Amino acid sequence: MSGITVRVNSQAIAQYLSSILERGQHMKPAFDQIGEYLIRETQLRFDRQESPDGNPWAPLKPRTVKAKNRQNKISKILQARGDLRRSIVYQSSNTSLVIGSNRDYAAIHQFGGEIALAARSRAVNFRVNKRTGQSRFARKERGNFQQDVNFRASRIIIPARPYLGVNAQDEAEIIRILSTYLT
């Protein structure tokens, strides 16, 4: 290589670089701050019902909306009881940060998929209205007779509704947090 080489022997620069390298070995405080930020952003996505890239989640089927209304559940997508939203947590160490959910159904909502239900038989409880003679589904403790019912095999298609991820705004904030921590 032709050209010129300039060497800088500065104690101040050497100490500054050394402190950055030292802090880089102990990243847990920065990762904790990033984890808290990502949880807040993920929860905001639940409020806005949108993916990290800003696209709205696939709407609920009318049948699902009707069932939620009948059961007095929250009508927002992925928030029947709010368990998935509340389950978003992070784990950090000096070398890594992981954010996610421990719910069994978290992955199928993030990525979408198909649930295959096998043919099955189940005892169903009914309550007969003594005055009208009509029967209705009932909880076991409220029913006054039980009947075996056969269900055929079926499948449920769940569309992807990504809630975890990092967008350009998140990237900028993560870089800000890291640069503030390292300098």
N, C-alpha and C. Protein backbone atom coordinates (compact mmCIF):
# COMPACT_ATOMS: atom_id res chain seq x y z
N MET A 1 0.85 -1.17 0.00
CA MET A 1 0.00 0.00 0.00
C MET A 1 0.90 1.23 0.00
N SER A 2 0.63 2.10 -0.90
CA SER A 2 1.39 3.35 -0.91
C SER A 2 0.60 4.42 -0.22
N GLY A 3 1.22 5.41 0.26
CA GLY A 3 0.53 6.50 0.91
C GLY A 3 1.25 6.90 2.17
N ILE A 4 0.51 7.38 3.09
CA ILE A 4 1.09 7.89 4.32
C ILE A 4 0.35 7.28 5.51
N THR A 5 1.02 7.04 6.56
CA THR A 5 0.43 6.53 7.79
C THR A 5 0.71 7.51 8.90
N VAL A 6 -0.33 7.83 9.65
CA VAL A 6 -0.18 8.72 10.80
C VAL A 6 -0.57 7.94 12.03
N ARG A 7 0.28 7.93 13.02
CA ARG A 7 -0.02 7.25 14.28
C ARG A 7 -0.31 8.32 15.32
N VAL A 8 -1.39 8.05 16.06
CA VAL A 8 -1.75 8.97 17.14
C VAL A 8 -1.53 8.24 18.45
N ASN A 9 -0.68 8.78 19.27
CA ASN A 9 -0.42 8.21 20.59
C ASN A 9 -1.02 9.15 21.61
N SER A 10 -2.34 8.95 21.83
CA SER A 10 -3.04 9.82 22.76
C SER A 10 -3.55 8.99 23.92
N GLN A 11 -3.16 9.35 25.11
CA GLN A 11 -3.62 8.66 26.31
C GLN A 11 -5.14 8.83 26.46
N ALA A 12 -5.65 10.00 26.15
CA ALA A 12 -7.09 10.27 26.29
C ALA A 12 -7.90 9.38 25.35
N ILE A 13 -7.46 9.25 24.09
CA ILE A 13 -8.16 8.41 23.12
C ILE A 13 -8.06 6.95 23.54
N ALA A 14 -6.90 6.53 23.97
CA ALA A 14 -6.70 5.15 24.41
C ALA A 14 -7.61 4.82 25.60
N GLN A 15 -7.71 5.73 26.56
CA GLN A 15 -8.58 5.50 27.72
C GLN A 15 -10.05 5.46 27.30
N TYR A 16 -10.42 6.35 26.37
CA TYR A 16 -11.81 6.37 25.89
C TYR A 16 -12.17 5.06 25.20
N LEU A 17 -11.30 4.59 24.31
CA LEU A 17 -11.54 3.32 23.63
C LEU A 17 -11.56 2.16 24.62
N SER A 18 -10.70 2.20 25.59
CA SER A 18 -10.66 1.15 26.61
C SER A 18 -11.96 1.12 27.42
N SER A 19 -12.49 2.30 27.76
CA SER A 19 -13.74 2.33 28.53
C SER A 19 -14.91 1.81 27.69
N ILE A 20 -14.91 2.11 26.39
CA ILE A 20 -15.96 1.58 25.51
C ILE A 20 -15.87 0.06 25.44
N LEU A 21 -14.65 -0.45 25.27
CA LEU A 21 -14.46 -1.91 25.24
C LEU A 21 -14.89 -2.56 26.55
N GLU A 22 -14.57 -1.92 27.66
CA GLU A 22 -14.95 -2.45 28.98
C GLU A 22 -16.47 -2.48 29.14
N ARG A 23 -17.11 -1.38 28.79
CA ARG A 23 -18.58 -1.33 28.89
C ARG A 23 -19.22 -2.35 27.95
N GLY A 24 -18.59 -2.59 26.81
CA GLY A 24 -19.09 -3.57 25.86
C GLY A 24 -19.08 -4.99 26.39
N GLN A 25 -18.32 -5.24 27.44
CA GLN A 25 -18.28 -6.56 28.08
C GLN A 25 -19.43 -6.72 29.08
N HIS A 26 -20.09 -5.63 29.45
CA HIS A 26 -21.15 -5.64 30.47
C HIS A 26 -22.39 -4.93 29.91
N MET A 27 -23.05 -5.57 28.96
CA MET A 27 -24.15 -4.94 28.23
C MET A 27 -25.52 -5.09 28.90
N LYS A 28 -25.61 -5.85 29.98
CA LYS A 28 -26.91 -6.12 30.61
C LYS A 28 -27.71 -4.85 30.90
N PRO A 29 -27.13 -3.80 31.48
CA PRO A 29 -27.94 -2.59 31.72
C PRO A 29 -28.54 -2.01 30.44
N ALA A 30 -27.77 -1.98 29.35
CA ALA A 30 -28.30 -1.47 28.08
C ALA A 30 -29.36 -2.41 27.53
N PHE A 31 -29.11 -3.72 27.61
CA PHE A 31 -30.10 -4.69 27.12
C PHE A 31 -31.39 -4.62 27.93
N ASP A 32 -31.28 -4.37 29.24
CA ASP A 32 -32.49 -4.21 30.06
C ASP A 32 -33.30 -3.00 29.59
N GLN A 33 -32.62 -1.92 29.30
CA GLN A 33 -33.30 -0.71 28.82
C GLN A 33 -33.97 -0.98 27.46
N ILE A 34 -33.28 -1.67 26.59
CA ILE A 34 -33.84 -2.02 25.28
C ILE A 34 -35.03 -2.96 25.46
N GLY A 35 -34.92 -3.94 26.36
CA GLY A 35 -36.02 -4.87 26.62
C GLY A 35 -37.26 -4.15 27.10
N GLU A 36 -37.11 -3.21 28.02
CA GLU A 36 -38.26 -2.43 28.51
C GLU A 36 -38.88 -1.62 27.38
N TYR A 37 -38.04 -1.02 26.54
CA TYR A 37 -38.54 -0.26 25.40
C TYR A 37 -39.33 -1.16 24.46
N LEU A 38 -38.79 -2.34 24.12
CA LEU A 38 -39.47 -3.23 23.18
C LEU A 38 -40.79 -3.76 23.75
N ILE A 39 -40.85 -4.00 25.05
CA ILE A 39 -42.12 -4.42 25.66
C ILE A 39 -43.16 -3.31 25.50
N ARG A 40 -42.77 -2.07 25.80
CA ARG A 40 -43.72 -0.94 25.65
C ARG A 40 -44.21 -0.84 24.20
N GLU A 41 -43.29 -0.94 23.24
CA GLU A 41 -43.66 -0.85 21.83
C GLU A 41 -44.58 -2.01 21.42
N THR A 42 -44.29 -3.20 21.91
CA THR A 42 -45.12 -4.36 21.60
C THR A 42 -46.52 -4.18 22.16
N GLN A 43 -46.63 -3.66 23.38
CA GLN A 43 -47.95 -3.43 23.96
C GLN A 43 -48.72 -2.35 23.20
N LEU A 44 -48.01 -1.36 22.69
CA LEU A 44 -48.67 -0.35 21.85
C LEU A 44 -49.20 -0.97 20.56
N ARG A 45 -48.48 -1.97 20.04
CA ARG A 45 -48.96 -2.66 18.84
C ARG A 45 -50.27 -3.39 19.13
N PHE A 46 -50.40 -3.94 20.31
CA PHE A 46 -51.67 -4.57 20.69
C PHE A 46 -52.77 -3.52 20.71
N ASP A 47 -52.49 -2.33 21.23
CA ASP A 47 -53.49 -1.25 21.25
C ASP A 47 -53.89 -0.86 19.83
N ARG A 48 -52.89 -0.74 18.95
CA ARG A 48 -53.14 -0.32 17.58
C ARG A 48 -53.53 -1.48 16.66
N GLN A 49 -53.39 -2.70 17.15
CA GLN A 49 -53.71 -3.92 16.40
C GLN A 49 -52.96 -3.94 15.06
N GLU A 50 -51.63 -3.78 15.16
CA GLU A 50 -50.82 -3.73 13.95
C GLU A 50 -49.49 -4.43 14.17
N SER A 51 -48.87 -4.82 13.06
CA SER A 51 -47.57 -5.49 13.09
C SER A 51 -46.47 -4.45 13.26
N PRO A 52 -45.24 -4.91 13.53
CA PRO A 52 -44.14 -3.95 13.69
C PRO A 52 -43.95 -3.04 12.48
N ASP A 53 -44.27 -3.51 11.29
CA ASP A 53 -44.10 -2.66 10.10
C ASP A 53 -45.29 -1.73 9.86
N GLY A 54 -46.26 -1.73 10.79
CA GLY A 54 -47.38 -0.80 10.70
C GLY A 54 -48.60 -1.33 9.96
N ASN A 55 -48.54 -2.55 9.42
CA ASN A 55 -49.70 -3.12 8.73
C ASN A 55 -50.73 -3.60 9.75
N PRO A 56 -52.02 -3.32 9.49
CA PRO A 56 -53.04 -3.80 10.42
C PRO A 56 -53.11 -5.33 10.42
N TRP A 57 -53.43 -5.89 11.58
CA TRP A 57 -53.61 -7.33 11.69
C TRP A 57 -54.83 -7.76 10.88
N ALA A 58 -54.83 -9.01 10.45
CA ALA A 58 -55.99 -9.57 9.76
C ALA A 58 -57.20 -9.44 10.69
N PRO A 59 -58.34 -9.01 10.16
CA PRO A 59 -59.52 -8.84 11.01
C PRO A 59 -60.05 -10.18 11.52
N LEU A 60 -60.79 -10.10 12.61
CA LEU A 60 -61.44 -11.30 13.14
C LEU A 60 -62.57 -11.70 12.21
N LYS A 61 -62.85 -12.98 12.16
CA LYS A 61 -64.00 -13.45 11.40
C LYS A 61 -65.27 -13.01 12.12
N PRO A 62 -66.35 -12.74 11.39
CA PRO A 62 -67.60 -12.31 12.02
C PRO A 62 -68.06 -13.28 13.11
N ARG A 63 -67.84 -14.56 12.89
CA ARG A 63 -68.23 -15.58 13.87
C ARG A 63 -67.47 -15.40 15.19
N THR A 64 -66.19 -15.03 15.09
CA THR A 64 -65.38 -14.81 16.29
C THR A 64 -65.84 -13.55 17.01
N VAL A 65 -66.13 -12.49 16.26
CA VAL A 65 -66.62 -11.24 16.87
C VAL A 65 -67.91 -11.52 17.63
N LYS A 66 -68.81 -12.27 17.01
CA LYS A 66 -70.09 -12.59 17.64
C LYS A 66 -69.88 -13.39 18.93
N ALA A 67 -68.98 -14.36 18.89
CA ALA A 67 -68.70 -15.17 20.08
C ALA A 67 -68.10 -14.31 21.19
N LYS A 68 -67.18 -13.40 20.84
CA LYS A 68 -66.58 -12.52 21.85
C LYS A 68 -67.64 -11.62 22.49
N ASN A 69 -68.53 -11.09 21.66
CA ASN A 69 -69.59 -10.23 22.19
C ASN A 69 -70.50 -11.00 23.14
N ARG A 70 -70.82 -12.23 22.75
CA ARG A 70 -71.70 -13.07 23.56
C ARG A 70 -71.06 -13.40 24.91
N GLN A 71 -69.74 -13.54 24.91
CA GLN A 71 -69.02 -13.92 26.13
C GLN A 71 -68.49 -12.72 26.90
N ASN A 72 -68.88 -11.51 26.47
CA ASN A 72 -68.43 -10.28 27.11
C ASN A 72 -66.90 -10.19 27.18
N LYS A 73 -66.23 -10.62 26.12
CA LYS A 73 -64.77 -10.53 26.07
C LYS A 73 -64.37 -9.26 25.33
N ILE A 74 -63.12 -8.86 25.53
CA ILE A 74 -62.58 -7.69 24.83
C ILE A 74 -62.67 -7.95 23.33
N SER A 75 -63.17 -6.97 22.58
CA SER A 75 -63.38 -7.18 21.15
C SER A 75 -62.13 -6.97 20.32
N LYS A 76 -61.03 -6.51 20.93
CA LYS A 76 -59.80 -6.30 20.17
C LYS A 76 -59.16 -7.64 19.80
N ILE A 77 -58.43 -7.62 18.68
CA ILE A 77 -57.76 -8.83 18.18
C ILE A 77 -56.64 -9.23 19.14
N LEU A 78 -56.51 -10.55 19.38
CA LEU A 78 -55.50 -11.16 20.24
C LEU A 78 -55.61 -10.72 21.71
N GLN A 79 -56.81 -10.29 22.11
CA GLN A 79 -56.95 -9.79 23.48
C GLN A 79 -58.23 -10.27 24.15
N ALA A 80 -58.55 -11.55 24.02
CA ALA A 80 -59.76 -12.07 24.64
C ALA A 80 -59.76 -11.77 26.14
N ARG A 81 -58.66 -12.12 26.80
CA ARG A 81 -58.52 -11.83 28.23
C ARG A 81 -57.28 -10.98 28.50
N GLY A 82 -56.48 -10.73 27.48
CA GLY A 82 -55.26 -9.94 27.64
C GLY A 82 -54.06 -10.76 28.09
N ASP A 83 -54.20 -12.10 28.11
CA ASP A 83 -53.10 -12.94 28.60
C ASP A 83 -51.86 -12.86 27.71
N LEU A 84 -52.03 -12.90 26.39
CA LEU A 84 -50.89 -12.85 25.49
C LEU A 84 -50.15 -11.53 25.66
N ARG A 85 -50.87 -10.46 25.69
CA ARG A 85 -50.27 -9.13 25.84
C ARG A 85 -49.48 -9.04 27.14
N ARG A 86 -50.05 -9.54 28.22
CA ARG A 86 -49.38 -9.48 29.53
C ARG A 86 -48.20 -10.44 29.63
N SER A 87 -48.15 -11.43 28.74
CA SER A 87 -47.10 -12.45 28.84
C SER A 87 -45.80 -12.04 28.13
N ILE A 88 -45.77 -10.89 27.48
CA ILE A 88 -44.57 -10.46 26.77
C ILE A 88 -43.51 -10.05 27.80
N VAL A 89 -42.38 -10.75 27.77
CA VAL A 89 -41.30 -10.50 28.71
C VAL A 89 -39.96 -10.53 27.97
N TYR A 90 -38.91 -10.12 28.65
CA TYR A 90 -37.58 -10.23 28.07
C TYR A 90 -36.64 -10.85 29.09
N GLN A 91 -35.57 -11.43 28.57
CA GLN A 91 -34.48 -11.94 29.39
C GLN A 91 -33.20 -11.36 28.82
N SER A 92 -32.33 -10.88 29.70
CA SER A 92 -31.09 -10.30 29.22
C SER A 92 -29.90 -10.82 30.02
N SER A 93 -28.76 -10.74 29.39
CA SER A 93 -27.49 -11.06 30.04
C SER A 93 -26.48 -10.05 29.51
N ASN A 94 -25.22 -10.26 29.78
CA ASN A 94 -24.20 -9.35 29.24
C ASN A 94 -23.99 -9.52 27.75
N THR A 95 -24.48 -10.63 27.20
CA THR A 95 -24.22 -10.92 25.78
C THR A 95 -25.46 -11.04 24.91
N SER A 96 -26.66 -11.05 25.51
CA SER A 96 -27.84 -11.24 24.67
C SER A 96 -29.10 -10.65 25.30
N LEU A 97 -30.08 -10.45 24.43
CA LEU A 97 -31.41 -10.00 24.83
C LEU A 97 -32.43 -10.81 24.03
N VAL A 98 -33.39 -11.42 24.72
CA VAL A 98 -34.44 -12.19 24.08
C VAL A 98 -35.77 -11.65 24.57
N ILE A 99 -36.70 -11.41 23.65
CA ILE A 99 -38.04 -10.95 24.02
C ILE A 99 -39.05 -11.90 23.42
N GLY A 100 -40.10 -12.21 24.17
CA GLY A 100 -41.11 -13.14 23.66
C GLY A 100 -42.17 -13.42 24.70
N SER A 101 -42.88 -14.52 24.48
CA SER A 101 -43.97 -14.95 25.34
C SER A 101 -43.81 -16.43 25.67
N ASN A 102 -44.25 -16.81 26.85
CA ASN A 102 -44.21 -18.23 27.23
C ASN A 102 -45.55 -18.92 26.97
N ARG A 103 -46.49 -18.26 26.35
CA ARG A 103 -47.79 -18.87 26.06
C ARG A 103 -47.66 -19.88 24.92
N ASP A 104 -48.32 -21.02 25.05
CA ASP A 104 -48.27 -22.07 24.04
C ASP A 104 -48.75 -21.57 22.67
N TYR A 105 -49.71 -20.67 22.67
CA TYR A 105 -50.32 -20.21 21.43
C TYR A 105 -49.66 -18.97 20.85
N ALA A 106 -48.60 -18.48 21.47
CA ALA A 106 -47.96 -17.23 21.01
C ALA A 106 -47.42 -17.36 19.59
N ALA A 107 -46.76 -18.47 19.29
CA ALA A 107 -46.13 -18.63 17.97
C ALA A 107 -47.15 -18.68 16.85
N ILE A 108 -48.26 -19.37 17.06
CA ILE A 108 -49.24 -19.48 15.96
C ILE A 108 -49.85 -18.11 15.63
N HIS A 109 -49.98 -17.24 16.63
CA HIS A 109 -50.50 -15.90 16.35
C HIS A 109 -49.44 -15.03 15.67
N GLN A 110 -48.18 -15.21 16.03
CA GLN A 110 -47.09 -14.45 15.41
C GLN A 110 -46.90 -14.85 13.94
N PHE A 111 -46.88 -16.16 13.69
CA PHE A 111 -46.53 -16.66 12.35
C PHE A 111 -47.73 -17.18 11.56
N GLY A 112 -48.87 -17.42 12.20
CA GLY A 112 -50.01 -18.02 11.53
C GLY A 112 -49.83 -19.52 11.41
N GLY A 113 -50.88 -20.21 11.03
CA GLY A 113 -50.77 -21.65 10.86
C GLY A 113 -52.12 -22.33 10.87
N GLU A 114 -52.07 -23.63 10.90
CA GLU A 114 -53.28 -24.45 10.85
C GLU A 114 -53.31 -25.37 12.07
N ILE A 115 -54.48 -25.47 12.67
CA ILE A 115 -54.68 -26.39 13.78
C ILE A 115 -55.61 -27.49 13.29
N ALA A 116 -55.12 -28.72 13.33
CA ALA A 116 -55.94 -29.86 12.90
C ALA A 116 -56.59 -30.47 14.14
N LEU A 117 -57.91 -30.54 14.13
CA LEU A 117 -58.65 -31.15 15.22
C LEU A 117 -59.13 -32.53 14.80
N ALA A 118 -58.79 -33.53 15.58
CA ALA A 118 -59.19 -34.90 15.28
C ALA A 118 -60.68 -35.08 15.60
N ALA A 119 -61.28 -36.07 14.98
CA ALA A 119 -62.66 -36.42 15.32
C ALA A 119 -62.67 -36.82 16.79
N ARG A 120 -63.73 -36.44 17.48
CA ARG A 120 -63.78 -36.72 18.91
C ARG A 120 -65.23 -36.81 19.39
N SER A 121 -65.37 -37.33 20.58
CA SER A 121 -66.67 -37.44 21.21
C SER A 121 -66.58 -36.76 22.57
N ARG A 122 -67.66 -36.12 22.97
CA ARG A 122 -67.63 -35.39 24.23
C ARG A 122 -69.02 -35.36 24.85
N ALA A 123 -69.04 -35.40 26.16
CA ALA A 123 -70.31 -35.27 26.87
C ALA A 123 -70.66 -33.78 26.96
N VAL A 124 -71.87 -33.44 26.55
CA VAL A 124 -72.33 -32.06 26.56
C VAL A 124 -73.50 -31.96 27.53
N ASN A 125 -73.51 -30.89 28.32
CA ASN A 125 -74.55 -30.68 29.32
C ASN A 125 -75.64 -29.76 28.79
N PHE A 126 -76.87 -30.11 29.14
CA PHE A 126 -78.02 -29.31 28.73
C PHE A 126 -78.87 -29.01 29.96
N ARG A 127 -79.66 -27.98 29.82
CA ARG A 127 -80.65 -27.65 30.85
C ARG A 127 -81.99 -27.51 30.12
N VAL A 128 -82.97 -28.26 30.60
CA VAL A 128 -84.30 -28.20 30.00
C VAL A 128 -85.14 -27.21 30.80
N ASN A 129 -85.77 -26.28 30.08
CA ASN A 129 -86.68 -25.34 30.71
C ASN A 129 -87.98 -26.09 30.98
N LYS A 130 -88.32 -26.23 32.24
CA LYS A 130 -89.50 -27.03 32.63
C LYS A 130 -90.79 -26.42 32.10
N ARG A 131 -90.82 -25.14 31.96
CA ARG A 131 -92.03 -24.47 31.49
C ARG A 131 -92.24 -24.64 29.99
N THR A 132 -91.14 -24.48 29.19
CA THR A 132 -91.29 -24.54 27.74
C THR A 132 -90.85 -25.87 27.14
N GLY A 133 -90.06 -26.64 27.87
CA GLY A 133 -89.57 -27.92 27.37
C GLY A 133 -88.37 -27.79 26.44
N GLN A 134 -87.91 -26.56 26.22
CA GLN A 134 -86.76 -26.36 25.36
C GLN A 134 -85.46 -26.61 26.14
N SER A 135 -84.48 -27.16 25.40
CA SER A 135 -83.19 -27.40 26.05
C SER A 135 -82.14 -26.46 25.48
N ARG A 136 -81.16 -26.11 26.34
CA ARG A 136 -80.07 -25.23 25.96
C ARG A 136 -78.78 -25.78 26.52
N PHE A 137 -77.66 -25.42 25.87
CA PHE A 137 -76.36 -25.79 26.43
C PHE A 137 -76.23 -25.17 27.81
N ALA A 138 -75.55 -25.89 28.71
CA ALA A 138 -75.37 -25.39 30.07
C ALA A 138 -74.04 -25.86 30.62
N ARG A 139 -73.56 -25.15 31.63
CA ARG A 139 -72.38 -25.62 32.35
C ARG A 139 -72.76 -26.89 33.09
N LYS A 140 -71.75 -27.68 33.41
CA LYS A 140 -71.99 -28.97 34.04
C LYS A 140 -72.82 -28.81 35.32
N GLU A 141 -72.46 -27.84 36.13
CA GLU A 141 -73.16 -27.65 37.42
C GLU A 141 -74.58 -27.13 37.26
N ARG A 142 -74.92 -26.56 36.11
CA ARG A 142 -76.27 -26.01 35.90
C ARG A 142 -77.14 -26.91 35.03
N GLY A 143 -76.52 -27.89 34.38
CA GLY A 143 -77.28 -28.77 33.49
C GLY A 143 -78.11 -29.78 34.27
N ASN A 144 -79.20 -30.23 33.64
CA ASN A 144 -79.99 -31.27 34.28
C ASN A 144 -80.04 -32.55 33.46
N PHE A 145 -79.29 -32.59 32.32
CA PHE A 145 -79.04 -33.86 31.66
C PHE A 145 -77.82 -33.70 30.75
N GLN A 146 -77.24 -34.86 30.42
CA GLN A 146 -76.01 -34.89 29.64
C GLN A 146 -76.18 -35.82 28.45
N GLN A 147 -75.51 -35.47 27.35
CA GLN A 147 -75.62 -36.29 26.15
C GLN A 147 -74.26 -36.33 25.47
N ASP A 148 -73.88 -37.49 24.93
CA ASP A 148 -72.64 -37.61 24.17
C ASP A 148 -72.85 -37.04 22.78
N VAL A 149 -71.91 -36.24 22.35
CA VAL A 149 -71.97 -35.60 21.03
C VAL A 149 -70.69 -35.94 20.28
N ASN A 150 -70.81 -36.29 19.00
CA ASN A 150 -69.65 -36.59 18.16
C ASN A 150 -69.32 -35.38 17.31
N PHE A 151 -68.03 -35.05 17.26
CA PHE A 151 -67.55 -33.95 16.44
C PHE A 151 -66.67 -34.53 15.34
N ARG A 152 -66.86 -34.09 14.12
CA ARG A 152 -66.03 -34.58 13.02
C ARG A 152 -64.68 -33.87 13.03
N ALA A 153 -63.72 -34.45 12.35
CA ALA A 153 -62.40 -33.83 12.23
C ALA A 153 -62.55 -32.49 11.51
N SER A 154 -61.76 -31.52 11.90
CA SER A 154 -61.83 -30.21 11.27
C SER A 154 -60.47 -29.53 11.38
N ARG A 155 -60.37 -28.37 10.75
CA ARG A 155 -59.14 -27.61 10.84
C ARG A 155 -59.48 -26.13 11.01
N ILE A 156 -58.60 -25.46 11.71
CA ILE A 156 -58.75 -24.03 11.95
C ILE A 156 -57.53 -23.34 11.35
N ILE A 157 -57.77 -22.35 10.52
CA ILE A 157 -56.68 -21.57 9.92
C ILE A 157 -56.55 -20.27 10.72
N ILE A 158 -55.36 -20.02 11.27
CA ILE A 158 -55.11 -18.79 12.02
C ILE A 158 -54.16 -17.93 11.19
N PRO A 159 -54.60 -16.73 10.80
CA PRO A 159 -53.71 -15.86 10.02
C PRO A 159 -52.59 -15.31 10.90
N ALA A 160 -51.45 -15.01 10.28
CA ALA A 160 -50.33 -14.40 11.01
C ALA A 160 -50.75 -13.00 11.44
N ARG A 161 -50.51 -12.72 12.71
CA ARG A 161 -50.73 -11.38 13.26
C ARG A 161 -49.48 -11.02 14.08
N PRO A 162 -48.40 -10.64 13.37
CA PRO A 162 -47.13 -10.39 14.05
C PRO A 162 -47.24 -9.26 15.07
N TYR A 163 -46.78 -9.51 16.26
CA TYR A 163 -46.76 -8.49 17.30
C TYR A 163 -45.33 -8.26 17.80
N LEU A 164 -44.44 -9.23 17.61
CA LEU A 164 -43.04 -9.08 17.99
C LEU A 164 -42.22 -8.68 16.77
N GLY A 165 -41.24 -7.85 16.97
CA GLY A 165 -40.38 -7.44 15.87
C GLY A 165 -39.85 -6.04 16.09
N VAL A 166 -38.99 -5.63 15.19
CA VAL A 166 -38.33 -4.33 15.29
C VAL A 166 -38.51 -3.60 13.96
N ASN A 167 -39.00 -2.37 14.03
CA ASN A 167 -39.14 -1.55 12.82
C ASN A 167 -38.03 -0.49 12.80
N ALA A 168 -38.05 0.38 11.82
CA ALA A 168 -37.00 1.39 11.66
C ALA A 168 -36.94 2.33 12.87
N GLN A 169 -38.09 2.71 13.40
CA GLN A 169 -38.13 3.58 14.59
C GLN A 169 -37.51 2.86 15.79
N ASP A 170 -37.82 1.57 15.93
CA ASP A 170 -37.24 0.78 17.03
C ASP A 170 -35.73 0.67 16.86
N GLU A 171 -35.28 0.44 15.63
CA GLU A 171 -33.84 0.35 15.38
C GLU A 171 -33.13 1.63 15.80
N ALA A 172 -33.71 2.77 15.45
CA ALA A 172 -33.11 4.06 15.81
C ALA A 172 -33.03 4.21 17.32
N GLU A 173 -34.08 3.82 18.03
CA GLU A 173 -34.07 3.93 19.49
C GLU A 173 -33.06 2.97 20.11
N ILE A 174 -32.95 1.77 19.57
CA ILE A 174 -31.98 0.80 20.08
C ILE A 174 -30.56 1.34 19.88
N ILE A 175 -30.29 1.90 18.73
CA ILE A 175 -28.97 2.48 18.47
C ILE A 175 -28.70 3.64 19.42
N ARG A 176 -29.71 4.47 19.68
CA ARG A 176 -29.55 5.59 20.62
C ARG A 176 -29.21 5.06 22.01
N ILE A 177 -29.95 4.05 22.46
CA ILE A 177 -29.70 3.47 23.79
C ILE A 177 -28.27 2.91 23.86
N LEU A 178 -27.88 2.17 22.83
CA LEU A 178 -26.54 1.57 22.84
C LEU A 178 -25.44 2.63 22.80
N SER A 179 -25.61 3.64 21.96
CA SER A 179 -24.56 4.66 21.87
C SER A 179 -24.48 5.47 23.16
N THR A 180 -25.62 5.75 23.80
CA THR A 180 -25.61 6.45 25.08
C THR A 180 -24.91 5.59 26.14
N TYR A 181 -25.19 4.30 26.14
CA TYR A 181 -24.59 3.42 27.14
C TYR A 181 -23.08 3.27 26.93
N LEU A 182 -22.67 3.14 25.69
CA LEU A 182 -21.25 2.86 25.41
C LEU A 182 -20.36 4.10 25.48
N THR A 183 -20.95 5.28 25.44
CA THR A 183 -20.10 6.49 25.47
C THR A 183 -20.25 7.26 26.76
